[in-house]
Amino acid sequence: MSRALIAGLAAFSIGIAPAANAQNAAPPLGATEAAKADGKAFGREQAAAAQGAATTSPDANRIPGFSSTPGEARYFDDPARMERDAASQANGHSGYRAMRDSMDRRARFAPQDLDAVIARSDLINTDPLAFTSGMSVGGSQGRCIPLPPGSGSAARYMATCNVGYLASEETRSCAIPLDVAVETQTRYIYWCSEFGSGDQESCTRFDDAGCERTGFIEGPCLQWGDFGGPRFCAEPGNPISVMSCPTPVAGGELQNIVATRSLSTNRVDSRCASLASDTSCRQTTEVCTDNDPVTRIIDGVAVTQPCWAWERQYACAQYVEAQDCQTLDTTSGCALVGEECLSGEPCRTWERVYDCPVPDQPGSPNQFICDADVYCIDGSCETITREANDEFKDAVVALNAMDQARREFDPDSLSLFKGTRNTCSSKVFGVLNCCKGKGFPLLPGIQLLVSLGCSREEMLLHERDAQGLCAYVGTYCSDSFLGVCLTKKKTYCCFESKLSRILQEQGRKQLNKPWAKPKTEQCRGFTLDEFSRLDLSQIDFSEVYAEFTEAARLSGNASSTMCCLAAIR
């Protein structure tokens, strides 16, 4: 920019003017031309810079932070990668983790549970006036109308049944005779010389014919002497072999023909082959069935045997399909949760486990909704409502849990909520069942157990389980026959309170600490570390809530308040 232009601008900025009447006067001719020339030069300079920037590759000198290989270049050919990278990095972000943790801890309810909760409200909504009409005036108490029954009990229990086979044994037998055979054989007798000397022919011919040596005889004397006395053989001759041949030998000198008879005995065990190969059969006994007389004539030959025939007996298993799950299959609310083999390889007895609601017990108290108090003053009436305290049950459960933890703390093992192991027996597909619990009325159930001969410990287990104090662990077979379970034992862990049982059942799922095998489970409590890791907000205490008075209305009346507290205890 020219000095003249700068001077002009500076003069303008500080308010220098020649005179008031000279404001509209034209600037000097030299200054105008100089400004135009300076502006054109500046424009050409900027145009050249823009053209150079457009035709020159960018670099760090021209663009701050410029890079020819930016990290974002990996998204040019794969835009979807940006979303994947963002998802992978989100898990490490503290804000994202806080949001996800909050969502994971949030209580979730199944649609059917929500429907069950609002079922009573839906019924009241169909005719609300039937439950709210008829209020009195003048400050007197209104009438009370019984509410519809609730949507079932929150308490549930594990019910079991059996499928598989009934086993029995059938005795089968087979006869084993003695096969006796007498065979007559003809043998041809020849003599031969071992060395082919003298008048006897060589034994080689008879060896080739399959003959057998049966003895030797003295050969002819090779040299005789008398020495002034009787003649005697001074040198014995070669021995002569006696050969017994099955057929005549051509060219041989036949000495004799001998007929012999041979005896063979054989037990015919093949008569029992089918039973012996049957894997479901096992041999039990084998007895002689024919031993008189012991000596018998077979084809003219006297044969003596201690036994001539036997009978072999087998015990064979018989399997008939059986099951006793019809009742649980058709019981409303019961759901099959598992099936386990009790015994046998291959398995022949299974136990099915159902999660069932506890049937409504007789004598449950009715619940009422009462008209609110209405007070009228000078013709103006106002209804005093008494709202239900729906947070009271949560407070009671929390206080009870703290008190229960204090009372059940074991200082020796530093554990909480320890249980006791209990077992009961029942016959598979049988009448005797000493494991009746939650699903059966308490007093009639005990009377039934006594009549069936169950033990005192099993009666106590039935009573505690019916009160909701026991958690079902599992079942194992205690007696089997032919691979079929006859008697099974159920294992339970029983606790001091229903709250302790709920904490153990649901807390073990949170800690990924399942019950041990039914034969070995010892019902140990939670360690302090384990209990500190439990999220009690995720535990369903509805079974405990069900014992409280639902929609309790706490008024200022002390007797009414004490009544409700007594009901909760």
Protein backbone atom coordinates (compact mmCIF):
# COMPACT_ATOMS: atom_id res chain seq x y z
CA MET A 1 0.00 0.00 0.00
CA SER A 2 1.39 3.48 -0.94
CA ARG A 3 2.52 6.01 1.56
CA ALA A 4 0.01 8.52 0.19
CA LEU A 5 -2.91 6.16 0.81
CA ILE A 6 -1.70 5.34 4.31
CA ALA A 7 -1.33 9.01 5.11
CA GLY A 8 -4.83 9.69 3.81
CA LEU A 9 -6.37 6.94 5.92
CA ALA A 10 -4.52 8.08 9.00
CA ALA A 11 -5.69 11.60 8.52
CA PHE A 12 -9.30 10.41 8.12
CA SER A 13 -9.13 8.24 11.24
CA ILE A 14 -8.03 11.08 13.51
CA GLY A 15 -10.62 13.46 12.12
CA ILE A 16 -8.42 15.90 10.24
CA ALA A 17 -10.53 17.93 7.81
CA PRO A 18 -9.55 21.16 5.97
CA ALA A 19 -12.83 22.95 6.50
CA ALA A 20 -16.49 22.23 6.89
CA ASN A 21 -17.37 23.54 3.48
CA ALA A 22 -14.59 21.59 1.86
CA GLN A 23 -15.91 18.02 2.79
CA ASN A 24 -17.40 17.48 -0.68
CA ALA A 25 -14.39 18.68 -2.53
CA ALA A 26 -12.63 16.17 -4.84
CA PRO A 27 -9.32 14.76 -3.63
CA PRO A 28 -6.20 15.82 -5.38
CA LEU A 29 -5.61 14.17 -8.73
CA GLY A 30 -2.27 12.65 -7.77
CA ALA A 31 -3.61 10.90 -4.68
CA THR A 32 -6.46 9.21 -6.56
CA GLU A 33 -4.27 7.79 -9.25
CA ALA A 34 -1.78 6.53 -6.71
CA ALA A 35 -4.55 4.72 -4.78
CA LYS A 36 -5.88 3.06 -7.90
CA ALA A 37 -2.45 1.86 -8.91
CA ASP A 38 -1.82 0.53 -5.41
CA GLY A 39 -5.16 -1.35 -5.38
CA LYS A 40 -4.51 -2.96 -8.73
CA ALA A 41 -1.10 -4.09 -7.61
CA PHE A 42 -2.56 -5.59 -4.44
CA GLY A 43 -5.26 -7.43 -6.46
CA ARG A 44 -2.72 -8.86 -8.87
CA GLU A 45 -0.63 -10.03 -5.92
CA GLN A 46 -3.56 -11.80 -4.28
CA ALA A 47 -4.73 -13.34 -7.57
CA ALA A 48 -1.27 -14.76 -8.16
CA ALA A 49 -1.22 -16.20 -4.61
CA ALA A 50 -4.66 -17.83 -5.07
CA GLN A 51 -3.67 -19.30 -8.43
CA GLY A 52 -0.47 -20.67 -6.92
CA ALA A 53 -2.35 -22.22 -4.03
CA ALA A 54 -4.81 -23.89 -6.41
CA THR A 55 -2.10 -25.37 -8.62
CA THR A 56 0.42 -26.34 -5.92
CA SER A 57 0.14 -29.47 -3.74
CA PRO A 58 -0.61 -28.58 -0.10
CA ASP A 59 2.02 -29.13 2.57
CA ALA A 60 2.56 -28.37 6.25
CA ASN A 61 3.97 -24.94 5.39
CA ARG A 62 0.73 -23.92 3.69
CA ILE A 63 -1.81 -25.74 5.93
CA PRO A 64 -1.06 -26.07 9.66
CA GLY A 65 -1.26 -29.70 10.84
CA PHE A 66 -1.39 -30.98 7.26
CA SER A 67 -0.43 -34.67 6.61
CA SER A 68 -0.46 -36.61 3.36
CA THR A 69 -1.35 -39.80 5.26
CA PRO A 70 -3.95 -38.87 7.89
CA GLY A 71 -5.21 -41.60 10.26
CA GLU A 72 -8.73 -41.13 8.93
CA ALA A 73 -7.60 -42.39 5.49
CA ARG A 74 -8.58 -45.93 6.54
CA TYR A 75 -12.22 -44.89 6.31
CA PHE A 76 -12.01 -43.76 2.66
CA ASP A 77 -12.58 -47.25 1.22
CA ASP A 78 -14.50 -48.67 4.21
CA PRO A 79 -16.88 -46.07 5.69
CA ALA A 80 -18.60 -48.76 7.84
CA ARG A 81 -15.33 -49.17 9.72
CA MET A 82 -15.91 -45.85 11.41
CA GLU A 83 -18.99 -47.26 13.17
CA ARG A 84 -17.16 -50.41 14.25
CA ASP A 85 -14.22 -48.44 15.64
CA ALA A 86 -16.56 -46.17 17.53
CA ALA A 87 -18.32 -49.18 19.08
CA SER A 88 -15.03 -50.75 20.18
CA GLN A 89 -13.79 -47.51 21.74
CA ALA A 90 -17.10 -46.84 23.48
CA ASN A 91 -16.56 -49.64 26.02
CA GLY A 92 -13.47 -47.87 27.32
CA HIS A 93 -15.22 -44.53 27.71
CA SER A 94 -16.12 -43.77 31.34
CA GLY A 95 -19.40 -42.07 30.45
CA TYR A 96 -20.48 -44.91 28.20
CA ARG A 97 -19.63 -47.48 30.88
CA ALA A 98 -21.63 -45.59 33.47
CA MET A 99 -24.63 -45.54 31.15
CA ARG A 100 -24.35 -49.27 30.35
CA ASP A 101 -23.90 -50.22 34.01
CA SER A 102 -27.03 -48.28 34.87
CA MET A 103 -28.99 -50.08 32.15
CA ASP A 104 -27.67 -53.49 33.25
CA ARG A 105 -28.76 -52.89 36.84
CA ARG A 106 -32.17 -51.67 35.82
CA ALA A 107 -34.96 -54.01 36.85
CA ARG A 108 -36.63 -55.90 34.01
CA PHE A 109 -40.04 -57.52 34.05
CA ALA A 110 -41.50 -60.12 31.75
CA PRO A 111 -44.73 -59.12 29.95
CA GLN A 112 -46.67 -61.89 31.67
CA ASP A 113 -45.53 -60.60 35.08
CA LEU A 114 -46.73 -57.09 34.24
CA ASP A 115 -50.07 -58.49 33.06
CA ALA A 116 -50.43 -60.38 36.34
CA VAL A 117 -49.72 -57.23 38.38
CA ILE A 118 -52.29 -55.09 36.61
CA ALA A 119 -54.90 -57.86 36.30
CA ARG A 120 -56.66 -56.76 39.48
CA SER A 121 -56.63 -53.12 38.37
CA ASP A 122 -58.11 -54.08 35.01
CA LEU A 123 -60.92 -55.91 36.75
CA ILE A 124 -61.69 -52.93 39.00
CA ASN A 125 -61.53 -50.61 35.99
CA THR A 126 -64.38 -52.48 34.30
CA ASP A 127 -66.79 -51.28 37.00
CA PRO A 128 -65.09 -48.71 39.26
CA LEU A 129 -68.36 -47.49 40.79
CA ALA A 130 -68.92 -50.94 42.28
CA PHE A 131 -65.87 -50.34 44.48
CA THR A 132 -66.11 -46.60 45.17
CA SER A 133 -69.80 -45.68 45.31
CA GLY A 134 -71.87 -45.24 48.46
CA MET A 135 -69.68 -42.80 50.39
CA SER A 136 -71.16 -41.42 53.55
CA VAL A 137 -71.17 -37.82 54.52
CA GLY A 138 -70.88 -35.91 57.73
CA GLY A 139 -67.46 -37.23 58.69
CA SER A 140 -68.47 -40.88 59.18
CA GLN A 141 -66.46 -43.80 57.82
CA GLY A 142 -67.58 -45.17 54.45
CA ARG A 143 -68.29 -48.77 53.55
CA CYS A 144 -65.64 -51.38 52.64
CA ILE A 145 -65.89 -53.63 49.57
CA PRO A 146 -63.76 -56.78 49.14
CA LEU A 147 -61.24 -56.55 46.34
CA PRO A 148 -61.04 -59.17 43.61
CA PRO A 149 -58.58 -61.96 44.35
CA GLY A 150 -54.95 -61.29 43.49
CA SER A 151 -53.21 -62.75 40.47
CA GLY A 152 -51.83 -65.87 42.20
CA SER A 153 -49.10 -66.39 44.73
CA ALA A 154 -45.57 -65.14 44.31
CA ALA A 155 -44.15 -68.24 45.98
CA ARG A 156 -42.90 -71.05 43.72
CA TYR A 157 -41.39 -74.46 44.23
CA MET A 158 -39.51 -77.10 42.28
CA ALA A 159 -41.66 -80.13 41.55
CA THR A 160 -40.26 -83.34 40.09
CA CYS A 161 -41.54 -86.40 38.27
CA ASN A 162 -39.99 -89.39 36.56
CA VAL A 163 -39.79 -90.87 33.07
CA GLY A 164 -38.03 -94.04 32.00
CA TYR A 165 -38.55 -97.74 32.51
CA LEU A 166 -39.74 -100.23 35.06
CA ALA A 167 -37.39 -103.22 35.38
CA SER A 168 -38.23 -106.85 36.14
CA GLU A 169 -36.42 -110.15 35.81
CA GLU A 170 -37.63 -113.19 33.93
CA THR A 171 -36.05 -116.66 34.37
CA ARG A 172 -35.17 -118.43 31.14
CA SER A 173 -33.50 -121.82 30.71
CA CYS A 174 -31.89 -123.97 28.07
CA ALA A 175 -30.94 -127.70 27.92
CA ILE A 176 -27.41 -128.91 27.23
CA PRO A 177 -27.25 -132.58 26.14
CA LEU A 178 -24.13 -134.79 26.07
CA ASP A 179 -23.30 -136.01 22.59
CA VAL A 180 -21.59 -139.46 22.75
CA ALA A 181 -20.25 -141.08 19.58
CA VAL A 182 -18.54 -144.49 19.06
CA GLU A 183 -16.45 -144.81 15.93
CA THR A 184 -14.93 -148.04 14.48
CA GLN A 185 -11.54 -147.75 12.82
CA THR A 186 -9.65 -150.39 10.79
CA ARG A 187 -5.83 -150.42 10.95
CA TYR A 188 -3.43 -152.31 8.67
CA ILE A 189 -0.29 -153.66 10.36
CA TYR A 190 3.09 -153.87 8.53
CA TRP A 191 6.70 -154.58 9.55
CA CYS A 192 9.63 -152.63 8.24
CA SER A 193 13.31 -152.11 8.88
CA GLU A 194 14.54 -148.72 9.96
CA PHE A 195 17.66 -149.19 7.83
CA GLY A 196 16.30 -151.38 5.08
CA SER A 197 18.62 -154.23 5.96
CA GLY A 198 17.87 -157.95 5.88
CA ASP A 199 14.73 -159.32 4.40
CA GLN A 200 12.55 -156.42 5.70
CA GLU A 201 11.70 -153.53 3.46
CA SER A 202 12.51 -149.95 4.45
CA CYS A 203 10.08 -147.95 6.62
CA THR A 204 10.29 -144.96 4.27
CA ARG A 205 7.36 -146.24 2.19
CA PHE A 206 5.12 -146.45 5.23
CA ASP A 207 6.09 -143.03 6.53
CA ASP A 208 5.01 -141.55 3.21
CA ALA A 209 1.64 -143.35 3.50
CA GLY A 210 0.78 -141.74 6.82
CA CYS A 211 1.35 -144.80 8.98
CA GLU A 212 2.20 -144.64 12.68
CA ARG A 213 4.82 -146.64 14.62
CA THR A 214 3.11 -148.64 17.33
CA GLY A 215 6.14 -150.64 18.58
CA PHE A 216 9.35 -152.55 17.81
CA ILE A 217 10.35 -156.22 17.63
CA GLU A 218 13.81 -157.79 17.73
CA GLY A 219 15.44 -158.06 14.34
CA PRO A 220 17.22 -161.21 12.84
CA CYS A 221 20.63 -162.26 14.27
CA LEU A 222 23.45 -161.02 12.16
CA GLN A 223 26.17 -163.43 13.54
CA TRP A 224 25.88 -166.70 15.47
CA GLY A 225 28.48 -168.31 17.71
CA ASP A 226 28.79 -171.37 19.94
CA PHE A 227 32.12 -171.17 21.66
CA GLY A 228 31.83 -174.86 22.65
CA GLY A 229 28.28 -174.52 23.88
CA PRO A 230 24.78 -173.61 22.65
CA ARG A 231 24.50 -171.31 19.70
CA PHE A 232 23.68 -167.72 20.50
CA CYS A 233 23.36 -164.45 18.67
CA ALA A 234 26.70 -162.78 19.00
CA GLU A 235 25.46 -159.52 17.35
CA PRO A 236 21.81 -158.38 17.55
CA GLY A 237 20.14 -157.43 14.27
CA ASN A 238 18.52 -154.14 13.30
CA PRO A 239 15.19 -153.44 15.12
CA ILE A 240 11.99 -154.05 13.17
CA SER A 241 9.24 -151.36 13.44
CA VAL A 242 5.55 -152.18 13.65
CA MET A 243 3.57 -149.75 11.47
CA SER A 244 -0.17 -149.14 11.78
CA CYS A 245 -1.67 -147.73 8.58
CA PRO A 246 -5.14 -146.32 7.93
CA THR A 247 -5.27 -147.89 4.46
CA PRO A 248 -3.47 -150.76 2.71
CA VAL A 249 -0.01 -149.83 1.45
CA ALA A 250 0.74 -151.04 -2.04
CA GLY A 251 3.77 -153.37 -2.17
CA GLY A 252 3.87 -153.83 1.60
CA GLU A 253 3.67 -157.23 3.32
CA LEU A 254 0.49 -157.14 5.41
CA GLN A 255 1.01 -158.69 8.82
CA ASN A 256 -2.43 -158.17 10.40
CA ILE A 257 -5.72 -156.26 10.22
CA VAL A 258 -6.97 -154.78 13.52
CA ALA A 259 -10.39 -153.16 14.12
CA THR A 260 -10.48 -150.50 16.93
CA ARG A 261 -13.40 -148.46 18.39
CA SER A 262 -12.95 -144.87 19.69
CA LEU A 263 -15.25 -142.93 22.01
CA SER A 264 -15.91 -139.15 21.81
CA THR A 265 -18.05 -137.03 24.20
CA ASN A 266 -19.14 -133.44 23.60
CA ARG A 267 -21.40 -131.01 25.54
CA VAL A 268 -23.72 -129.26 23.08
CA ASP A 269 -23.40 -125.72 24.57
CA SER A 270 -24.65 -124.18 21.33
CA ARG A 271 -28.20 -124.81 22.57
CA CYS A 272 -27.68 -121.82 24.97
CA ALA A 273 -25.85 -119.52 22.56
CA SER A 274 -28.74 -117.08 22.14
CA LEU A 275 -29.17 -116.53 25.89
CA ALA A 276 -25.42 -116.33 26.49
CA SER A 277 -25.06 -113.54 23.90
CA ASP A 278 -28.04 -111.52 25.22
CA THR A 279 -26.60 -108.57 27.20
CA SER A 280 -29.79 -108.27 29.24
CA CYS A 281 -29.40 -111.84 30.55
CA ARG A 282 -26.97 -113.21 33.11
CA GLN A 283 -26.37 -116.88 33.97
CA THR A 284 -27.50 -117.84 37.46
CA THR A 285 -27.29 -121.64 37.78
CA GLU A 286 -26.47 -124.85 35.90
CA VAL A 287 -27.69 -128.20 37.22
CA CYS A 288 -27.44 -131.81 36.04
CA THR A 289 -30.80 -133.12 34.90
CA ASP A 290 -29.84 -136.67 33.77
CA ASN A 291 -27.34 -138.85 35.69
CA ASP A 292 -29.06 -142.21 36.12
CA PRO A 293 -27.68 -144.66 35.10
CA VAL A 294 -24.13 -143.45 34.87
CA THR A 295 -23.07 -146.35 32.62
CA ARG A 296 -24.84 -146.87 29.32
CA ILE A 297 -24.29 -149.03 26.23
CA ILE A 298 -23.65 -146.96 23.13
CA ASP A 299 -23.30 -149.00 19.90
CA GLY A 300 -22.23 -151.98 21.93
CA VAL A 301 -19.69 -150.05 23.98
CA ALA A 302 -20.16 -149.41 27.70
CA VAL A 303 -19.83 -145.71 28.37
CA THR A 304 -19.71 -144.25 31.88
CA GLN A 305 -20.41 -140.54 32.49
CA PRO A 306 -21.30 -138.72 35.75
CA CYS A 307 -23.91 -136.60 33.94
CA TRP A 308 -25.64 -137.01 30.63
CA ALA A 309 -27.57 -133.67 30.38
CA TRP A 310 -27.70 -130.25 32.06
CA GLU A 311 -30.09 -127.29 32.40
CA ARG A 312 -28.67 -123.77 32.46
CA GLN A 313 -30.79 -120.89 33.86
CA TYR A 314 -30.53 -117.20 33.06
CA ALA A 315 -32.05 -114.11 34.71
CA CYS A 316 -33.14 -111.76 31.91
CA ALA A 317 -34.13 -108.14 32.44
CA GLN A 318 -37.44 -106.88 31.12
CA TYR A 319 -38.00 -103.13 30.60
CA VAL A 320 -41.41 -101.49 30.38
CA GLU A 321 -41.80 -97.76 29.68
CA ALA A 322 -43.27 -95.75 32.54
CA GLN A 323 -43.77 -92.10 33.56
CA ASP A 324 -45.66 -90.11 36.18
CA CYS A 325 -45.48 -86.58 34.74
CA GLN A 326 -49.08 -86.27 33.54
CA THR A 327 -50.12 -84.07 36.47
CA LEU A 328 -47.26 -81.58 36.16
CA ASP A 329 -47.61 -81.48 32.37
CA THR A 330 -51.20 -80.31 32.73
CA THR A 331 -50.82 -78.06 35.81
CA SER A 332 -51.29 -74.41 34.92
CA GLY A 333 -48.22 -72.30 35.64
CA CYS A 334 -45.76 -75.22 35.78
CA ALA A 335 -42.85 -74.99 33.35
CA LEU A 336 -40.30 -77.69 32.56
CA VAL A 337 -36.83 -76.34 33.47
CA GLY A 338 -34.61 -79.41 33.15
CA GLU A 339 -34.18 -83.16 32.88
CA GLU A 340 -31.38 -85.20 34.44
CA CYS A 341 -30.38 -88.85 34.26
CA LEU A 342 -30.59 -90.63 37.62
CA SER A 343 -28.83 -93.90 36.80
CA GLY A 344 -27.89 -96.41 34.15
CA GLU A 345 -25.61 -96.51 31.14
CA PRO A 346 -27.39 -96.26 28.82
CA CYS A 347 -29.66 -94.11 30.97
CA ARG A 348 -32.97 -95.77 31.85
CA THR A 349 -34.36 -93.34 34.46
CA TRP A 350 -34.71 -89.55 34.12
CA GLU A 351 -36.06 -86.97 36.53
CA ARG A 352 -37.89 -83.96 35.14
CA VAL A 353 -37.86 -80.72 37.14
CA TYR A 354 -40.76 -78.23 36.91
CA ASP A 355 -40.96 -74.69 38.26
CA CYS A 356 -44.48 -74.40 39.68
CA PRO A 357 -46.46 -71.80 41.63
CA VAL A 358 -47.44 -72.74 45.16
CA PRO A 359 -51.18 -73.44 45.20
CA ASP A 360 -53.36 -70.95 47.04
CA GLN A 361 -53.65 -72.00 50.65
CA PRO A 362 -57.11 -72.02 52.27
CA GLY A 363 -57.91 -69.34 54.76
CA SER A 364 -56.16 -66.44 53.03
CA PRO A 365 -57.52 -63.12 54.44
CA ASN A 366 -59.69 -61.02 52.17
CA GLN A 367 -58.58 -57.52 51.18
CA PHE A 368 -60.91 -54.53 51.08
CA ILE A 369 -61.13 -51.07 49.61
CA CYS A 370 -63.01 -48.58 51.78
CA ASP A 371 -64.68 -45.31 50.92
CA ALA A 372 -62.67 -42.29 51.99
CA ASP A 373 -63.79 -40.08 54.83
CA VAL A 374 -65.96 -37.17 53.69
CA TYR A 375 -66.23 -33.98 55.76
CA CYS A 376 -68.75 -31.25 54.96
CA ILE A 377 -68.67 -27.69 56.33
CA ASP A 378 -71.38 -25.24 55.35
CA GLY A 379 -72.33 -27.33 52.35
CA SER A 380 -68.75 -27.71 51.11
CA CYS A 381 -67.57 -31.31 51.27
CA GLU A 382 -64.00 -32.58 51.01
CA THR A 383 -62.78 -36.18 50.75
CA ILE A 384 -59.87 -37.18 52.97
CA THR A 385 -57.99 -39.92 51.17
CA ARG A 386 -55.57 -42.34 52.81
CA GLU A 387 -52.99 -43.42 50.27
CA ALA A 388 -51.24 -46.75 50.44
CA ASN A 389 -47.62 -46.72 51.57
CA ASP A 390 -46.06 -48.77 48.78
CA GLU A 391 -42.51 -48.13 50.04
CA PHE A 392 -43.15 -49.61 53.45
CA LYS A 393 -42.53 -53.18 52.31
CA ASP A 394 -39.13 -52.23 50.88
CA ALA A 395 -38.10 -50.63 54.14
CA VAL A 396 -39.23 -53.65 56.14
CA VAL A 397 -37.34 -56.07 53.87
CA ALA A 398 -34.17 -53.96 54.08
CA LEU A 399 -34.33 -53.80 57.88
CA ASN A 400 -35.05 -57.50 58.11
CA ALA A 401 -32.13 -58.32 55.81
CA MET A 402 -29.74 -56.31 57.98
CA ASP A 403 -31.01 -57.95 61.14
CA GLN A 404 -30.88 -61.40 59.55
CA ALA A 405 -27.27 -60.86 58.42
CA ARG A 406 -26.31 -59.80 61.95
CA ARG A 407 -27.93 -62.86 63.52
CA GLU A 408 -26.59 -65.37 60.98
CA PHE A 409 -23.00 -64.13 60.81
CA ASP A 410 -20.58 -66.94 61.65
CA PRO A 411 -17.40 -65.44 63.16
CA ASP A 412 -15.50 -68.72 62.82
CA SER A 413 -15.92 -69.06 59.05
CA LEU A 414 -16.63 -65.34 58.39
CA SER A 415 -19.70 -66.27 56.38
CA LEU A 416 -23.37 -65.29 56.16
CA PHE A 417 -26.61 -67.16 55.55
CA LYS A 418 -25.28 -70.67 56.06
CA GLY A 419 -27.81 -73.48 55.56
CA THR A 420 -28.19 -77.07 56.70
CA ARG A 421 -28.19 -80.08 54.39
CA ASN A 422 -31.37 -82.18 54.41
CA THR A 423 -32.44 -85.16 52.30
CA CYS A 424 -35.60 -87.15 51.74
CA SER A 425 -36.32 -90.35 49.84
CA SER A 426 -38.98 -91.36 47.37
CA LYS A 427 -39.67 -94.43 45.29
CA VAL A 428 -39.41 -93.97 41.55
CA PHE A 429 -42.82 -94.84 40.07
CA GLY A 430 -43.85 -95.90 43.60
CA VAL A 431 -46.26 -94.88 46.32
CA LEU A 432 -43.76 -93.92 49.03
CA ASN A 433 -42.78 -90.27 48.69
CA CYS A 434 -41.24 -88.61 51.74
CA CYS A 435 -40.36 -85.46 49.78
CA LYS A 436 -43.69 -83.65 49.71
CA GLY A 437 -43.09 -79.98 50.47
CA LYS A 438 -44.31 -76.60 49.28
CA GLY A 439 -46.81 -77.98 46.83
CA PHE A 440 -48.81 -79.84 49.48
CA PRO A 441 -50.85 -78.69 52.50
CA LEU A 442 -48.77 -78.76 55.65
CA LEU A 443 -50.78 -80.70 58.22
CA PRO A 444 -52.34 -83.29 55.87
CA GLY A 445 -48.90 -83.71 54.32
CA ILE A 446 -47.31 -84.59 57.67
CA GLN A 447 -50.08 -87.05 58.47
CA LEU A 448 -49.53 -88.70 55.09
CA LEU A 449 -45.78 -88.94 55.68
CA VAL A 450 -46.34 -90.55 59.08
CA SER A 451 -48.74 -93.09 57.61
CA LEU A 452 -46.22 -94.01 54.92
CA GLY A 453 -43.43 -94.59 57.42
CA CYS A 454 -41.18 -91.62 56.69
CA SER A 455 -38.48 -90.65 59.18
CA ARG A 456 -38.69 -87.79 61.67
CA GLU A 457 -36.01 -85.86 59.75
CA GLU A 458 -38.01 -86.19 56.52
CA MET A 459 -41.16 -84.98 58.30
CA LEU A 460 -39.26 -81.93 59.56
CA LEU A 461 -37.90 -81.24 56.09
CA HIS A 462 -41.43 -81.38 54.68
CA GLU A 463 -42.59 -78.86 57.24
CA ARG A 464 -39.68 -76.44 56.67
CA ASP A 465 -39.96 -76.69 52.89
CA ALA A 466 -43.70 -76.02 53.05
CA GLN A 467 -42.87 -72.86 55.01
CA GLY A 468 -40.55 -71.70 52.23
CA LEU A 469 -37.30 -72.14 54.18
CA CYS A 470 -35.60 -74.71 51.92
CA ALA A 471 -33.94 -74.47 48.51
CA TYR A 472 -33.99 -77.50 46.22
CA VAL A 473 -30.47 -78.56 45.20
CA GLY A 474 -31.00 -81.70 43.12
CA THR A 475 -31.64 -85.43 43.10
CA TYR A 476 -29.44 -88.50 42.96
CA CYS A 477 -30.20 -92.22 42.76
CA SER A 478 -29.65 -94.14 46.01
CA ASP A 479 -30.77 -97.60 44.86
CA SER A 480 -30.90 -99.14 41.39
CA PHE A 481 -31.63 -102.48 39.75
CA LEU A 482 -30.63 -103.54 36.25
CA GLY A 483 -29.66 -99.97 35.45
CA VAL A 484 -33.06 -98.59 36.53
CA CYS A 485 -33.27 -96.28 39.54
CA LEU A 486 -35.61 -97.65 42.22
CA THR A 487 -35.15 -95.06 45.00
CA LYS A 488 -33.96 -91.48 44.69
CA LYS A 489 -32.93 -88.90 47.25
CA LYS A 490 -33.66 -85.20 47.01
CA THR A 491 -31.20 -82.76 48.55
CA TYR A 492 -32.28 -79.45 50.08
CA CYS A 493 -30.50 -76.57 51.82
CA CYS A 494 -32.69 -75.18 54.59
CA PHE A 495 -32.21 -71.76 56.19
CA GLU A 496 -33.36 -69.80 59.22
CA SER A 497 -35.68 -67.56 57.23
CA LYS A 498 -37.34 -67.25 53.86
CA LEU A 499 -35.28 -64.13 53.23
CA SER A 500 -32.04 -66.11 53.69
CA ARG A 501 -33.24 -68.72 51.22
CA ILE A 502 -34.09 -66.08 48.60
CA LEU A 503 -30.68 -64.44 49.03
CA GLN A 504 -28.94 -67.79 48.60
CA GLU A 505 -30.98 -68.91 45.59
CA GLN A 506 -30.74 -65.68 43.62
CA GLY A 507 -27.38 -64.53 44.97
CA ARG A 508 -25.65 -67.69 43.75
CA LYS A 509 -26.83 -66.91 40.21
CA GLN A 510 -25.33 -63.42 40.41
CA LEU A 511 -22.01 -64.79 41.67
CA ASN A 512 -21.99 -67.65 39.16
CA LYS A 513 -21.75 -70.02 42.13
CA PRO A 514 -24.11 -72.92 41.43
CA TRP A 515 -24.99 -75.58 43.97
CA ALA A 516 -22.59 -78.52 44.10
CA LYS A 517 -23.69 -82.03 43.13
CA PRO A 518 -26.59 -83.28 45.28
CA LYS A 519 -24.38 -85.94 46.91
CA THR A 520 -21.76 -83.42 48.04
CA GLU A 521 -23.51 -80.05 48.57
CA GLN A 522 -22.89 -78.78 52.14
CA CYS A 523 -24.98 -75.56 52.05
CA ARG A 524 -22.12 -73.20 52.92
CA GLY A 525 -22.85 -69.51 53.38
CA PHE A 526 -21.57 -66.45 51.53
CA THR A 527 -18.15 -65.07 52.39
CA LEU A 528 -17.97 -61.38 53.23
CA ASP A 529 -16.44 -60.68 49.83
CA GLU A 530 -19.19 -62.59 48.04
CA PHE A 531 -21.93 -60.83 49.97
CA SER A 532 -20.37 -57.44 49.22
CA ARG A 533 -20.56 -58.20 45.49
CA LEU A 534 -24.30 -58.93 45.53
CA ASP A 535 -26.59 -56.42 43.86
CA LEU A 536 -29.61 -56.61 46.15
CA SER A 537 -31.59 -54.35 43.81
CA GLN A 538 -31.65 -57.22 41.31
CA ILE A 539 -33.07 -59.77 43.77
CA ASP A 540 -36.79 -60.48 43.53
CA PHE A 541 -38.32 -60.28 47.01
CA SER A 542 -41.90 -60.57 45.76
CA GLU A 543 -42.32 -63.82 47.68
CA VAL A 544 -41.60 -61.90 50.88
CA TYR A 545 -43.83 -59.02 49.78
CA ALA A 546 -46.68 -61.49 49.30
CA GLU A 547 -46.68 -62.10 53.05
CA PHE A 548 -47.20 -58.43 53.83
CA THR A 549 -50.58 -56.78 53.79
CA GLU A 550 -50.97 -55.47 50.27
CA ALA A 551 -51.96 -51.82 49.82
CA ALA A 552 -51.92 -51.25 53.58
CA ARG A 553 -53.58 -47.95 54.48
CA LEU A 554 -51.85 -46.49 57.52
CA SER A 555 -54.15 -44.00 59.27
CA GLY A 556 -53.45 -41.81 62.25
CA ASN A 557 -55.25 -44.34 64.41
CA ALA A 558 -52.61 -46.03 66.57
CA SER A 559 -54.57 -49.27 66.87
CA SER A 560 -54.89 -49.52 63.09
CA THR A 561 -51.17 -48.92 62.67
CA MET A 562 -50.23 -51.56 65.24
CA CYS A 563 -52.61 -54.00 63.56
CA CYS A 564 -50.87 -53.59 60.22
CA LEU A 565 -47.40 -53.90 61.76
CA ALA A 566 -48.46 -57.07 63.53
CA ALA A 567 -49.70 -58.50 60.24
CA ILE A 568 -46.37 -57.74 58.59
CA ARG A 569 -44.41 -59.42 61.36
